């Protein structure tokens, strides 16, 4: 009779361990599925971010073209105005050098 009780207890313990193992496996499966879903959401978010970066780069390129065009038009207008007024300015490197000398306090008359 003792052998039957010991065997019954062993079976009961094994059944409990199996139930706990199954419960743990189901919890892990749930966590795994949650992580897969989070990965999908992250991938979608990254795709949207890539699209936003592309849009921003295109916008910046367009803005850069607009600024370049504006500067070119303004420069042409200035040159035209200076030409009509008879104003002659030194070339850019000289005026940059002249400006640097003024800021440093060097003698600009030489």
PDB file of N, CA and C in Angstrom:
ATOM      1  N   UNK A   1       0.815  -1.179   0.000  1.00  0.00           N
ATOM      2  CA  UNK A   1       0.000   0.000   0.000  1.00  0.00           C
ATOM      3  C   UNK A   1       0.868   1.256   0.000  1.00  0.00           C
ATOM      4  N   UNK A   2       1.982   1.215   0.735  1.00  0.00           N
ATOM      5  CA  UNK A   2       2.873   2.357   0.774  1.00  0.00           C
ATOM      6  C   UNK A   2       3.424   2.657  -0.612  1.00  0.00           C
ATOM      7  N   UNK A   3       3.711   1.639  -1.386  1.00  0.00           N
ATOM      8  CA  UNK A   3       4.249   1.839  -2.726  1.00  0.00           C
ATOM      9  C   UNK A   3       3.252   2.575  -3.606  1.00  0.00           C
ATOM     10  N   UNK A   4       1.939   2.251  -3.436  1.00  0.00           N
ATOM     11  CA  UNK A   4       0.911   2.926  -4.226  1.00  0.00           C
ATOM     12  C   UNK A   4       0.806   4.399  -3.825  1.00  0.00           C
ATOM     13  N   UNK A   5       0.877   4.647  -2.517  1.00  0.00           N
ATOM     14  CA  UNK A   5       0.805   6.040  -2.066  1.00  0.00           C
ATOM     15  C   UNK A   5       2.019   6.836  -2.529  1.00  0.00           C
ATOM     16  N   UNK A   6       3.181   6.260  -2.433  1.00  0.00           N
ATOM     17  CA  UNK A   6       4.402   6.935  -2.884  1.00  0.00           C
ATOM     18  C   UNK A   6       4.330   7.179  -4.389  1.00  0.00           C
ATOM     19  N   UNK A   7       3.859   6.203  -5.119  1.00  0.00           N
ATOM     20  CA  UNK A   7       3.729   6.357  -6.569  1.00  0.00           C
ATOM     21  C   UNK A   7       2.692   7.435  -6.883  1.00  0.00           C
ATOM     22  N   UNK A   8       1.582   7.448  -6.127  1.00  0.00           N
ATOM     23  CA  UNK A   8       0.536   8.446  -6.331  1.00  0.00           C
ATOM     24  C   UNK A   8       1.088   9.847  -6.041  1.00  0.00           C
ATOM     25  N   UNK A   9       1.860   9.971  -4.966  1.00  0.00           N
ATOM     26  CA  UNK A   9       2.462  11.263  -4.639  1.00  0.00           C
ATOM     27  C   UNK A   9       3.460  11.686  -5.722  1.00  0.00           C
ATOM     28  N   UNK A  10       4.229  10.724  -6.211  1.00  0.00           N
ATOM     29  CA  UNK A  10       5.173  11.030  -7.288  1.00  0.00           C
ATOM     30  C   UNK A  10       4.431  11.526  -8.529  1.00  0.00           C
ATOM     31  N   UNK A  11       3.327  10.850  -8.854  1.00  0.00           N
ATOM     32  CA  UNK A  11       2.530  11.239 -10.018  1.00  0.00           C
ATOM     33  C   UNK A  11       1.922  12.624  -9.790  1.00  0.00           C
ATOM     34  N   UNK A  12       1.449  12.874  -8.571  1.00  0.00           N
ATOM     35  CA  UNK A  12       0.860  14.174  -8.248  1.00  0.00           C
ATOM     36  C   UNK A  12       1.909  15.279  -8.372  1.00  0.00           C
ATOM     37  N   UNK A  13       3.100  15.023  -7.851  1.00  0.00           N
ATOM     38  CA  UNK A  13       4.188  16.004  -7.947  1.00  0.00           C
ATOM     39  C   UNK A  13       4.552  16.234  -9.413  1.00  0.00           C
ATOM     40  N   UNK A  14       4.671  15.158 -10.176  1.00  0.00           N
ATOM     41  CA  UNK A  14       5.003  15.284 -11.596  1.00  0.00           C
ATOM     42  C   UNK A  14       3.921  16.057 -12.353  1.00  0.00           C
ATOM     43  N   UNK A  15       2.661  15.799 -12.005  1.00  0.00           N
ATOM     44  CA  UNK A  15       1.551  16.512 -12.645  1.00  0.00           C
ATOM     45  C   UNK A  15       1.611  17.999 -12.295  1.00  0.00           C
ATOM     46  N   UNK A  16       1.944  18.311 -11.060  1.00  0.00           N
ATOM     47  CA  UNK A  16       2.073  19.714 -10.644  1.00  0.00           C
ATOM     48  C   UNK A  16       3.225  20.395 -11.380  1.00  0.00           C
ATOM     49  N   UNK A  17       4.349  19.695 -11.459  1.00  0.00           N
ATOM     50  CA  UNK A  17       5.505  20.241 -12.173  1.00  0.00           C
ATOM     51  C   UNK A  17       5.157  20.446 -13.650  1.00  0.00           C
ATOM     52  N   UNK A  18       4.457  19.486 -14.234  1.00  0.00           N
ATOM     53  CA  UNK A  18       4.054  19.603 -15.641  1.00  0.00           C
ATOM     54  C   UNK A  18       3.101  20.788 -15.829  1.00  0.00           C
ATOM     55  N   UNK A  19       2.174  20.965 -14.896  1.00  0.00           N
ATOM     56  CA  UNK A  19       1.231  22.082 -14.983  1.00  0.00           C
ATOM     57  C   UNK A  19       1.967  23.414 -14.869  1.00  0.00           C
ATOM     58  N   UNK A  20       2.917  23.510 -13.940  1.00  0.00           N
ATOM     59  CA  UNK A  20       3.716  24.734 -13.807  1.00  0.00           C
ATOM     60  C   UNK A  20       4.553  24.990 -15.063  1.00  0.00           C
ATOM     61  N   UNK A  21       5.129  23.925 -15.595  1.00  0.00           N
ATOM     62  CA  UNK A  21       5.934  24.066 -16.812  1.00  0.00           C
ATOM     63  C   UNK A  21       5.073  24.544 -17.973  1.00  0.00           C
ATOM     64  N   UNK A  22       3.872  23.978 -18.093  1.00  0.00           N
ATOM     65  CA  UNK A  22       2.951  24.395 -19.148  1.00  0.00           C
ATOM     66  C   UNK A  22       2.554  25.861 -18.952  1.00  0.00           C
ATOM     67  N   UNK A  23       2.262  26.232 -17.707  1.00  0.00           N
ATOM     68  CA  UNK A  23       1.906  27.616 -17.398  1.00  0.00           C
ATOM     69  C   UNK A  23       3.054  28.571 -17.767  1.00  0.00           C
ATOM     70  N   UNK A  24       4.279  28.192 -17.397  1.00  0.00           N
ATOM     71  CA  UNK A  24       5.451  29.014 -17.736  1.00  0.00           C
ATOM     72  C   UNK A  24       5.640  29.105 -19.248  1.00  0.00           C
ATOM     73  N   UNK A  25       5.442  27.984 -19.931  1.00  0.00           N
ATOM     74  CA  UNK A  25       5.580  27.976 -21.390  1.00  0.00           C
ATOM     75  C   UNK A  25       4.540  28.898 -22.029  1.00  0.00           C
ATOM     76  N   UNK A  26       3.317  28.873 -21.529  1.00  0.00           N
ATOM     77  CA  UNK A  26       2.265  29.737 -22.070  1.00  0.00           C
ATOM     78  C   UNK A  26       2.571  31.216 -21.800  1.00  0.00           C
ATOM     79  N   UNK A  27       3.091  31.512 -20.608  1.00  0.00           N
ATOM     80  CA  UNK A  27       3.477  32.897 -20.300  1.00  0.00           C
ATOM     81  C   UNK A  27       4.606  33.365 -21.215  1.00  0.00           C
ATOM     82  N   UNK A  28       5.601  32.486 -21.417  1.00  0.00           N
ATOM     83  CA  UNK A  28       6.709  32.840 -22.301  1.00  0.00           C
ATOM     84  C   UNK A  28       6.229  33.039 -23.737  1.00  0.00           C
ATOM     85  N   UNK A  29       5.294  32.202 -24.165  1.00  0.00           N
ATOM     86  CA  UNK A  29       4.738  32.356 -25.505  1.00  0.00           C
ATOM     87  C   UNK A  29       4.010  33.706 -25.625  1.00  0.00           C
ATOM     88  N   UNK A  30       3.277  34.073 -24.589  1.00  0.00           N
ATOM     89  CA  UNK A  30       2.590  35.364 -24.582  1.00  0.00           C
ATOM     90  C   UNK A  30       3.573  36.518 -24.648  1.00  0.00           C
ATOM     91  N   UNK A  31       4.655  36.418 -23.858  1.00  0.00           N
ATOM     92  CA  UNK A  31       5.683  37.467 -23.884  1.00  0.00           C
ATOM     93  C   UNK A  31       6.349  37.531 -25.254  1.00  0.00           C
ATOM     94  N   UNK A  32       6.595  36.365 -25.841  1.00  0.00           N
ATOM     95  CA  UNK A  32       7.205  36.317 -27.166  1.00  0.00           C
ATOM     96  C   UNK A  32       6.297  36.986 -28.197  1.00  0.00           C
ATOM     97  N   UNK A  33       5.008  36.692 -28.134  1.00  0.00           N
ATOM     98  CA  UNK A  33       4.051  37.307 -29.062  1.00  0.00           C
ATOM     99  C   UNK A  33       3.981  38.824 -28.862  1.00  0.00           C
ATOM    100  N   UNK A  34       4.036  39.263 -27.599  1.00  0.00           N
ATOM    101  CA  UNK A  34       4.063  40.708 -27.316  1.00  0.00           C
ATOM    102  C   UNK A  34       5.304  41.358 -27.932  1.00  0.00           C
ATOM    103  N   UNK A  35       6.441  40.683 -27.795  1.00  0.00           N
ATOM    104  CA  UNK A  35       7.683  41.220 -28.349  1.00  0.00           C
ATOM    105  C   UNK A  35       7.627  41.263 -29.875  1.00  0.00           C
ATOM    106  N   UNK A  36       7.023  40.254 -30.495  1.00  0.00           N
ATOM    107  CA  UNK A  36       6.871  40.264 -31.951  1.00  0.00           C
ATOM    108  C   UNK A  36       6.011  41.448 -32.383  1.00  0.00           C
ATOM    109  N   UNK A  37       4.944  41.707 -31.624  1.00  0.00           N
ATOM    110  CA  UNK A  37       4.066  42.832 -31.946  1.00  0.00           C
ATOM    111  C   UNK A  37       4.819  44.156 -31.772  1.00  0.00           C
ATOM    112  N   UNK A  38       5.598  44.272 -30.704  1.00  0.00           N
ATOM    113  CA  UNK A  38       6.384  45.492 -30.482  1.00  0.00           C
ATOM    114  C   UNK A  38       7.408  45.689 -31.602  1.00  0.00           C
ATOM    115  N   UNK A  39       7.995  44.593 -32.067  1.00  0.00           N
ATOM    116  CA  UNK A  39       8.947  44.675 -33.168  1.00  0.00           C
ATOM    117  C   UNK A  39       8.257  45.171 -34.436  1.00  0.00           C
ATOM    118  N   UNK A  40       7.059  44.676 -34.696  1.00  0.00           N
ATOM    119  CA  UNK A  40       6.296  45.125 -35.864  1.00  0.00           C
ATOM    120  C   UNK A  40       5.996  46.615 -35.768  1.00  0.00           C
ATOM    121  N   UNK A  41       5.574  47.060 -34.586  1.00  0.00           N
ATOM    122  CA  UNK A  41       5.286  48.488 -34.382  1.00  0.00           C
ATOM    123  C   UNK A  41       6.560  49.311 -34.581  1.00  0.00           C
ATOM    124  N   UNK A  42       7.677  48.828 -34.052  1.00  0.00           N
ATOM    125  CA  UNK A  42       8.953  49.530 -34.195  1.00  0.00           C
ATOM    126  C   UNK A  42       9.372  49.608 -35.664  1.00  0.00           C
ATOM    127  N   UNK A  43       9.203  48.514 -36.401  1.00  0.00           N
ATOM    128  CA  UNK A  43       9.546  48.515 -37.825  1.00  0.00           C
ATOM    129  C   UNK A  43       8.689  49.521 -38.588  1.00  0.00           C
ATOM    130  N   UNK A  44       7.400  49.577 -38.262  1.00  0.00           N
ATOM    131  CA  UNK A  44       6.511  50.544 -38.913  1.00  0.00           C
ATOM    132  C   UNK A  44       6.923  51.972 -38.564  1.00  0.00           C
ATOM    133  N   UNK A  45       7.301  52.179 -37.315  1.00  0.00           N
ATOM    134  CA  UNK A  45       7.747  53.501 -36.873  1.00  0.00           C
ATOM    135  C   UNK A  45       9.034  53.902 -37.598  1.00  0.00           C
ATOM    136  N   UNK A  46       9.950  52.957 -37.751  1.00  0.00           N
ATOM    137  CA  UNK A  46      11.200  53.243 -38.457  1.00  0.00           C
ATOM    138  C   UNK A  46      10.927  53.575 -39.925  1.00  0.00           C
ATOM    139  N   UNK A  47       9.992  52.864 -40.533  1.00  0.00           N
ATOM    140  CA  UNK A  47       9.633  53.131 -41.925  1.00  0.00           C
ATOM    141  C   UNK A  47       9.074  54.551 -42.055  1.00  0.00           C
ATOM    142  N   UNK A  48       8.203  54.940 -41.114  1.00  0.00           N
ATOM    143  CA  UNK A  48       7.620  56.286 -41.116  1.00  0.00           C
ATOM    144  C   UNK A  48       8.721  57.338 -40.899  1.00  0.00           C
ATOM    145  N   UNK A  49       9.656  57.048 -40.000  1.00  0.00           N
ATOM    146  CA  UNK A  49      10.771  57.965 -39.750  1.00  0.00           C
ATOM    147  C   UNK A  49      11.615  58.130 -41.012  1.00  0.00           C
ATOM    148  N   UNK A  50      11.882  57.022 -41.708  1.00  0.00           N
ATOM    149  CA  UNK A  50      12.634  57.100 -42.961  1.00  0.00           C
ATOM    150  C   UNK A  50      11.909  57.979 -43.978  1.00  0.00           C
ATOM    151  N   UNK A  51      10.587  57.834 -44.053  1.00  0.00           N
ATOM    152  CA  UNK A  51       9.805  58.666 -44.967  1.00  0.00           C
ATOM    153  C   UNK A  51       9.899  60.140 -44.563  1.00  0.00           C
ATOM    154  N   UNK A  52       9.834  60.402 -43.264  1.00  0.00           N
ATOM    155  CA  UNK A  52       9.944  61.783 -42.774  1.00  0.00           C
ATOM    156  C   UNK A  52      11.316  62.377 -43.096  1.00  0.00           C
ATOM    157  N   UNK A  53      12.372  61.563 -42.951  1.00  0.00           N
ATOM    158  CA  UNK A  53      13.724  62.025 -43.272  1.00  0.00           C
ATOM    159  C   UNK A  53      13.818  62.341 -44.764  1.00  0.00           C
ATOM    160  N   UNK A  54      13.265  61.460 -45.604  1.00  0.00           N
ATOM    161  CA  UNK A  54      13.276  61.711 -47.050  1.00  0.00           C
ATOM    162  C   UNK A  54      12.549  63.009 -47.379  1.00  0.00           C
ATOM    163  N   UNK A  55      11.391  63.203 -46.767  1.00  0.00           N
ATOM    164  CA  UNK A  55      10.622  64.429 -46.998  1.00  0.00           C
ATOM    165  C   UNK A  55      11.418  65.655 -46.560  1.00  0.00           C
ATOM    166  N   UNK A  56      12.052  65.568 -45.394  1.00  0.00           N
ATOM    167  CA  UNK A  56      12.855  66.684 -44.882  1.00  0.00           C
ATOM    168  C   UNK A  56      14.035  66.979 -45.803  1.00  0.00           C
ATOM    169  N   UNK A  57      14.715  65.927 -46.276  1.00  0.00           N
ATOM    170  CA  UNK A  57      15.844  66.132 -47.183  1.00  0.00           C
ATOM    171  C   UNK A  57      15.385  66.799 -48.478  1.00  0.00           C
ATOM    172  N   UNK A  58      14.244  66.358 -49.006  1.00  0.00           N
ATOM    173  CA  UNK A  58      13.716  66.975 -50.224  1.00  0.00           C
ATOM    174  C   UNK A  58      13.367  68.439 -49.981  1.00  0.00           C
ATOM    175  N   UNK A  59      12.764  68.707 -48.832  1.00  0.00           N
ATOM    176  CA  UNK A  59      12.391  70.078 -48.481  1.00  0.00           C
ATOM    177  C   UNK A  59      13.633  70.950 -48.335  1.00  0.00           C
ATOM    178  N   UNK A  60      14.661  70.416 -47.681  1.00  0.00           N
ATOM    179  CA  UNK A  60      15.901  71.175 -47.497  1.00  0.00           C
ATOM    180  C   UNK A  60      16.556  71.461 -48.847  1.00  0.00           C
ATOM    181  N   UNK A  61      16.523  70.476 -49.744  1.00  0.00           N
ATOM    182  CA  UNK A  61      17.096  70.668 -51.071  1.00  0.00           C
ATOM    183  C   UNK A  61      16.347  71.768 -51.810  1.00  0.00           C
ATOM    184  N   UNK A  62      15.024  71.741 -51.716  1.00  0.00           N
ATOM    185  CA  UNK A  62      14.199  72.767 -52.353  1.00  0.00           C
ATOM    186  C   UNK A  62      14.500  74.139 -51.744  1.00  0.00           C
ATOM    187  N   UNK A  63      14.589  74.191 -50.403  1.00  0.00           N
ATOM    188  CA  UNK A  63      14.893  75.457 -49.725  1.00  0.00           C
ATOM    189  C   UNK A  63      16.267  75.979 -50.138  1.00  0.00           C
ATOM    190  N   UNK A  64      17.230  75.072 -50.253  1.00  0.00           N
ATOM    191  CA  UNK A  64      18.579  75.469 -50.658  1.00  0.00           C
ATOM    192  C   UNK A  64      18.550  76.062 -52.068  1.00  0.00           C
ATOM    193  N   UNK A  65      17.775  75.443 -52.955  1.00  0.00           N
ATOM    194  CA  UNK A  65      17.648  75.978 -54.313  1.00  0.00           C
ATOM    195  C   UNK A  65      17.007  77.362 -54.290  1.00  0.00           C
ATOM    196  N   UNK A  66      15.990  77.530 -53.454  1.00  0.00           N
ATOM    197  CA  UNK A  66      15.335  78.839 -53.349  1.00  0.00           C
ATOM    198  C   UNK A  66      16.305  79.900 -52.842  1.00  0.00           C
ATOM    199  N   UNK A  67      17.087  79.568 -51.820  1.00  0.00           N
ATOM    200  CA  UNK A  67      18.055  80.523 -51.265  1.00  0.00           C
ATOM    201  C   UNK A  67      19.109  80.863 -52.313  1.00  0.00           C
ATOM    202  N   UNK A  68      19.609  79.850 -53.010  1.00  0.00           N
ATOM    203  CA  UNK A  68      20.609  80.085 -54.056  1.00  0.00           C
ATOM    204  C   UNK A  68      20.050  81.001 -55.138  1.00  0.00           C
ATOM    205  N   UNK A  69      18.812  80.735 -55.545  1.00  0.00           N
ATOM    206  CA  UNK A  69      18.165  81.579 -56.555  1.00  0.00           C
ATOM    207  C   UNK A  69      18.001  83.002 -56.037  1.00  0.00           C
ATOM    208  N   UNK A  70      17.559  83.140 -54.792  1.00  0.00           N
ATOM    209  CA  UNK A  70      17.379  84.468 -54.196  1.00  0.00           C
ATOM    210  C   UNK A  70      18.701  85.231 -54.158  1.00  0.00           C
ATOM    211  N   UNK A  71      19.756  84.556 -53.720  1.00  0.00           N
ATOM    212  CA  UNK A  71      21.070  85.207 -53.635  1.00  0.00           C
ATOM    213  C   UNK A  71      21.540  85.623 -55.026  1.00  0.00           C
ATOM    214  N   UNK A  72      21.348  84.750 -55.995  1.00  0.00           N
ATOM    215  CA  UNK A  72      21.752  85.066 -57.366  1.00  0.00           C
ATOM    216  C   UNK A  72      20.996  86.281 -57.895  1.00  0.00           C
ATOM    217  N   UNK A  73      19.679  86.307 -57.680  1.00  0.00           N
ATOM    218  CA  UNK A  73      18.865  87.440 -58.131  1.00  0.00           C
ATOM    219  C   UNK A  73      19.288  88.718 -57.409  1.00  0.00           C
ATOM    220  N   UNK A  74      19.480  88.625 -56.090  1.00  0.00           N
ATOM    221  CA  UNK A  74      19.887  89.802 -55.312  1.00  0.00           C
ATOM    222  C   UNK A  74      21.254  90.298 -55.765  1.00  0.00           C
ATOM    223  N   UNK A  75      22.171  89.374 -56.028  1.00  0.00           N
ATOM    224  CA  UNK A  75      23.506  89.756 -56.486  1.00  0.00           C
ATOM    225  C   UNK A  75      23.434  90.434 -57.852  1.00  0.00           C
ATOM    226  N   UNK A  76      22.628  89.860 -58.740  1.00  0.00           N
ATOM    227  CA  UNK A  76      22.457  90.478 -60.064  1.00  0.00           C
ATOM    228  C   UNK A  76      21.834  91.864 -59.943  1.00  0.00           C
ATOM    229  N   UNK A  77      20.814  91.978 -59.095  1.00  0.00           N
ATOM    230  CA  UNK A  77      20.175  93.282 -58.881  1.00  0.00           C
ATOM    231  C   UNK A  77      21.170  94.293 -58.325  1.00  0.00           C
ATOM    232  N   UNK A  78      21.981  93.855 -57.356  1.00  0.00           N
ATOM    233  CA  UNK A  78      22.982  94.740 -56.759  1.00  0.00           C
ATOM    234  C   UNK A  78      24.012  95.169 -57.802  1.00  0.00           C
ATOM    235  N   UNK A  79      24.487  94.207 -58.591  1.00  0.00           N
ATOM    236  CA  UNK A  79      25.463  94.535 -59.636  1.00  0.00           C
ATOM    237  C   UNK A  79      24.862  95.506 -60.646  1.00  0.00           C
ATOM    238  N   UNK A  80      23.624  95.271 -61.013  1.00  0.00           N
ATOM    239  CA  UNK A  80      22.951  96.165 -61.960  1.00  0.00           C
ATOM    240  C   UNK A  80      22.824  97.572 -61.367  1.00  0.00           C
ATOM    241  N   UNK A  81      22.409  97.628 -60.106  1.00  0.00           N
ATOM    242  CA  UNK A  81      22.254  98.918 -59.434  1.00  0.00           C
ATOM    243  C   UNK A  81      23.595  99.635 -59.316  1.00  0.00           C
ATOM    244  N   UNK A  82      24.626  98.888 -58.917  1.00  0.00           N
ATOM    245  CA  UNK A  82      25.956  99.488 -58.799  1.00  0.00           C
ATOM    246  C   UNK A  82      26.448  99.976 -60.157  1.00  0.00           C
ATOM    247  N   UNK A  83      26.170  99.174 -61.185  1.00  0.00           N
ATOM    248  CA  UNK A  83      26.579  99.565 -62.536  1.00  0.00           C
ATOM    249  C   UNK A  83      25.880 100.829 -62.981  1.00  0.00           C
ATOM    250  N   UNK A  84      24.600 100.935 -62.658  1.00  0.00           N
ATOM    251  CA  UNK A  84      23.866 102.133 -63.077  1.00  0.00           C
ATOM    252  C   UNK A  84      24.281 103.354 -62.261  1.00  0.00           C
ATOM    253  N   UNK A  85      24.791 103.143 -61.058  1.00  0.00           N
ATOM    254  CA  UNK A  85      25.249 104.260 -60.223  1.00  0.00           C
ATOM    255  C   UNK A  85      26.726 104.562 -60.441  1.00  0.00           C
ATOM    256  N   UNK A  86      27.421 103.686 -61.176  1.00  0.00           N
ATOM    257  CA  UNK A  86      28.847 103.877 -61.414  1.00  0.00           C
ATOM    258  C   UNK A  86      29.704 103.503 -60.225  1.00  0.00           C
ATOM    259  N   UNK A  87      29.187 102.659 -59.297  1.00  0.00           N
ATOM    260  CA  UNK A  87      29.934 102.246 -58.106  1.00  0.00           C
ATOM    261  C   UNK A  87      30.784 101.035 -58.465  1.00  0.00           C
ATOM    262  N   UNK A  88      32.057 101.081 -58.107  1.00  0.00           N
ATOM    263  CA  UNK A  88      32.951  99.947 -58.347  1.00  0.00           C
ATOM    264  C   UNK A  88      33.498  99.507 -56.996  1.00  0.00           C
ATOM    265  N   UNK A  89      33.322  98.230 -56.691  1.00  0.00           N
ATOM    266  CA  UNK A  89      33.826  97.673 -55.430  1.00  0.00           C
ATOM    267  C   UNK A  89      35.011  96.776 -55.717  1.00  0.00           C
ATOM    268  N   UNK A  90      35.950  96.691 -54.781  1.00  0.00           N
ATOM    269  CA  UNK A  90      37.078  95.771 -54.972  1.00  0.00           C
ATOM    270  C   UNK A  90      36.581  94.326 -54.958  1.00  0.00           C
ATOM    271  N   UNK A  91      37.405  93.458 -55.470  1.00  0.00           N
ATOM    272  CA  UNK A  91      37.047  92.031 -55.505  1.00  0.00           C
ATOM    273  C   UNK A  91      36.861  91.516 -54.092  1.00  0.00           C
ATOM    274  N   UNK A  92      36.105  90.451 -53.955  1.00  0.00           N
ATOM    275  CA  UNK A  92      35.746  89.912 -52.640  1.00  0.00           C
ATOM    276  C   UNK A  92      36.951  89.594 -51.768  1.00  0.00           C
ATOM    277  N   UNK A  93      38.000  88.916 -52.282  1.00  0.00           N
ATOM    278  CA  UNK A  93      39.123  88.602 -51.383  1.00  0.00           C
ATOM    279  C   UNK A  93      39.758  89.840 -50.791  1.00  0.00           C
ATOM    280  N   UNK A  94      39.888  90.932 -51.574  1.00  0.00           N
ATOM    281  CA  UNK A  94      40.485  92.151 -51.037  1.00  0.00           C
ATOM    282  C   UNK A  94      39.611  92.734 -49.952  1.00  0.00           C
ATOM    283  N   UNK A  95      38.284  92.750 -50.215  1.00  0.00           N
ATOM    284  CA  UNK A  95      37.438  93.359 -49.200  1.00  0.00           C
ATOM    285  C   UNK A  95      37.367  92.494 -47.958  1.00  0.00           C
ATOM    286  N   UNK A  96      37.485  91.181 -48.138  1.00  0.00           N
ATOM    287  CA  UNK A  96      37.524  90.318 -46.954  1.00  0.00           C
ATOM    288  C   UNK A  96      38.803  90.597 -46.182  1.00  0.00           C
ATOM    289  N   UNK A  97      39.925  90.711 -46.904  1.00  0.00           N
ATOM    290  CA  UNK A  97      41.199  90.999 -46.264  1.00  0.00           C
ATOM    291  C   UNK A  97      41.152  92.372 -45.594  1.00  0.00           C
ATOM    292  N   UNK A  98      40.589  93.348 -46.281  1.00  0.00           N
ATOM    293  CA  UNK A  98      40.450  94.701 -45.741  1.00  0.00           C
ATOM    294  C   UNK A  98      39.615  94.675 -44.463  1.00  0.00           C
ATOM    295  N   UNK A  99      38.521  93.919 -44.499  1.00  0.00           N
ATOM    296  CA  UNK A  99      37.650  93.799 -43.325  1.00  0.00           C
ATOM    297  C   UNK A  99      38.402  93.149 -42.162  1.00  0.00           C
ATOM    298  N   UNK A 100      39.182  92.113 -42.460  1.00  0.00           N
ATOM    299  CA  UNK A 100      39.945  91.436 -41.409  1.00  0.00           C
ATOM    300  C   UNK A 100      40.968  92.383 -40.799  1.00  0.00           C
ATOM    301  N   UNK A 101      41.588  93.223 -41.635  1.00  0.00           N
ATOM    302  CA  UNK A 101      42.563  94.183 -41.118  1.00  0.00           C
ATOM    303  C   UNK A 101      41.892  95.214 -40.224  1.00  0.00           C
ATOM    304  N   UNK A 102      40.708  95.654 -40.624  1.00  0.00           N
ATOM    305  CA  UNK A 102      39.980  96.622 -39.802  1.00  0.00           C
ATOM    306  C   UNK A 102      39.660  96.044 -38.434  1.00  0.00           C
ATOM    307  N   UNK A 103      39.226  94.785 -38.429  1.00  0.00           N
ATOM    308  CA  UNK A 103      38.871  94.157 -37.150  1.00  0.00           C
ATOM    309  C   UNK A 103      40.089  93.948 -36.270  1.00  0.00           C
ATOM    310  N   UNK A 104      41.236  93.636 -36.882  1.00  0.00           N
ATOM    311  CA  UNK A 104      42.426  93.355 -36.078  1.00  0.00           C
ATOM    312  C   UNK A 104      43.145  94.632 -35.647  1.00  0.00           C
ATOM    313  N   UNK A 105      42.744  95.777 -36.244  1.00  0.00           N
ATOM    314  CA  UNK A 105      43.386  97.037 -35.885  1.00  0.00           C
ATOM    315  C   UNK A 105      44.646  97.302 -36.678  1.00  0.00           C
ATOM    316  N   UNK A 106      44.904  96.489 -37.727  1.00  0.00           N
ATOM    317  CA  UNK A 106      46.092  96.688 -38.562  1.00  0.00           C
ATOM    318  C   UNK A 106      45.932  97.952 -39.385  1.00  0.00           C
ATOM    319  N   UNK A 107      47.039  98.424 -39.881  1.00  0.00           N
ATOM    320  CA  UNK A 107      47.018  99.609 -40.742  1.00  0.00           C
ATOM    321  C   UNK A 107      46.482  99.202 -42.108  1.00  0.00           C
ATOM    322  N   UNK A 108      45.341  99.750 -42.495  1.00  0.00           N
ATOM    323  CA  UNK A 108      44.699  99.380 -43.749  1.00  0.00           C
ATOM    324  C   UNK A 108      45.073 100.320 -44.879  1.00  0.00           C
ATOM    325  N   UNK A 109      45.885 101.327 -44.592  1.00  0.00           N
ATOM    326  CA  UNK A 109      46.252 102.296 -45.624  1.00  0.00           C
ATOM    327  C   UNK A 109      47.423 101.813 -46.459  1.00  0.00           C
ATOM    328  N   UNK A 110      48.130 100.791 -45.988  1.00  0.00           N
ATOM    329  CA  UNK A 110      49.313 100.339 -46.712  1.00  0.00           C
ATOM    330  C   UNK A 110      48.964  99.449 -47.867  1.00  0.00           C
TER     331      UNK A 110
END
